[in-house]
């Protein structure tokens, strides 16, 4: 059974930018749940395009704004669908 892996790639510290990476079979679905751009969801846009939008918590409330990008497999660094969310760097976000 395959799972989506999510990991903070910039470390658990205060920084200007924090990057969260996701990889796995449901990456696009999860990205569309936790990131809301203006207009179409990230999954319906061209891959590898950085998109400005809001980062949401589990209740759907906005907790930050940032950028997201989707890399479709097999042309990604893991071979699976991958995504990155670039937001303000703080452990709470």
Protein backbone atom coordinates (compact mmCIF):
# COMPACT_ATOMS: atom_id res chain seq x y z
CA UNK A 1 0.00 0.00 0.00
CA UNK A 2 1.40 3.39 -1.01
CA UNK A 3 1.23 6.49 1.16
CA UNK A 4 1.90 10.17 0.73
CA UNK A 5 4.97 11.36 2.59
CA UNK A 6 5.05 14.96 3.83
CA UNK A 7 8.19 16.47 5.30
CA UNK A 8 9.50 19.88 6.22
CA UNK A 9 12.60 20.30 4.08
CA UNK A 10 13.91 23.49 5.73
CA UNK A 11 14.16 22.16 9.28
CA UNK A 12 12.15 22.87 12.42
CA UNK A 13 13.40 26.39 13.01
CA UNK A 14 12.39 29.99 12.40
CA UNK A 15 13.46 31.12 8.94
CA UNK A 16 12.31 33.50 6.23
CA UNK A 17 10.96 30.73 4.01
CA UNK A 18 9.74 27.27 4.97
CA UNK A 19 9.30 24.50 2.42
CA UNK A 20 7.03 21.49 2.85
CA UNK A 21 7.45 18.64 0.37
CA UNK A 22 4.90 15.95 -0.44
CA UNK A 23 5.34 12.83 -2.54
CA UNK A 24 3.12 9.88 -3.31
CA UNK A 25 0.01 8.80 -5.21
CA UNK A 26 -2.48 11.29 -3.67
CA UNK A 27 -0.17 14.30 -3.65
CA UNK A 28 -2.29 16.43 -6.02
CA UNK A 29 -5.48 15.71 -4.04
CA UNK A 30 -3.83 16.62 -0.73
CA UNK A 31 -2.24 19.75 -2.22
CA UNK A 32 -5.67 20.90 -3.43
CA UNK A 33 -7.02 20.36 0.11
CA UNK A 34 -4.34 22.35 1.97
CA UNK A 35 -3.55 25.04 -0.61
CA UNK A 36 -6.11 27.39 -2.19
CA UNK A 37 -4.96 29.57 -5.07
CA UNK A 38 -7.10 32.16 -6.79
CA UNK A 39 -8.83 30.50 -9.72
CA UNK A 40 -8.21 26.87 -10.59
CA UNK A 41 -6.69 24.35 -8.15
CA UNK A 42 -2.97 23.64 -8.58
CA UNK A 43 -3.74 20.15 -9.91
CA UNK A 44 -5.58 21.66 -12.90
CA UNK A 45 -2.73 23.99 -13.88
CA UNK A 46 0.38 23.22 -15.90
CA UNK A 47 2.91 21.27 -13.87
CA UNK A 48 6.04 22.99 -12.57
CA UNK A 49 4.25 26.37 -12.42
CA UNK A 50 4.56 28.26 -9.11
CA UNK A 51 1.12 29.38 -7.95
CA UNK A 52 0.32 32.05 -5.33
CA UNK A 53 -2.38 31.19 -2.79
CA UNK A 54 -3.40 30.48 0.80
CA UNK A 55 -2.15 27.66 3.02
CA UNK A 56 -5.02 26.13 5.01
CA UNK A 57 -5.20 24.24 8.29
CA UNK A 58 -7.26 21.08 8.81
CA UNK A 59 -10.44 23.13 9.35
CA UNK A 60 -9.96 25.09 6.12
CA UNK A 61 -8.91 28.30 7.87
CA UNK A 62 -6.13 30.34 6.27
CA UNK A 63 -2.88 30.12 8.26
CA UNK A 64 -0.46 31.65 5.76
CA UNK A 65 -0.03 32.65 2.16
CA UNK A 66 2.65 31.28 -0.10
CA UNK A 67 3.51 29.47 -3.29
CA UNK A 68 2.89 25.90 -4.41
CA UNK A 69 4.23 23.84 -7.29
CA UNK A 70 3.28 20.36 -8.53
CA UNK A 71 5.68 17.95 -10.26
CA UNK A 72 3.91 15.05 -11.99
CA UNK A 73 5.54 11.62 -11.96
CA UNK A 74 7.41 9.94 -13.48
CA UNK A 75 9.21 13.20 -14.34
CA UNK A 76 9.92 14.21 -10.74
CA UNK A 77 12.82 13.64 -8.36
CA UNK A 78 11.03 10.68 -6.69
CA UNK A 79 9.37 9.28 -9.81
CA UNK A 80 5.96 9.86 -8.16
CA UNK A 81 3.79 12.96 -8.06
CA UNK A 82 5.54 15.54 -5.84
CA UNK A 83 4.64 18.99 -4.60
CA UNK A 84 6.26 21.80 -2.65
CA UNK A 85 4.57 24.48 -0.58
CA UNK A 86 6.76 27.55 0.04
CA UNK A 87 5.45 29.68 2.92
CA UNK A 88 6.72 31.79 5.80
CA UNK A 89 9.27 29.90 7.87
CA UNK A 90 8.04 29.26 11.37
CA UNK A 91 7.36 25.93 13.11
CA UNK A 92 3.72 26.89 13.76
CA UNK A 93 3.01 27.34 10.02
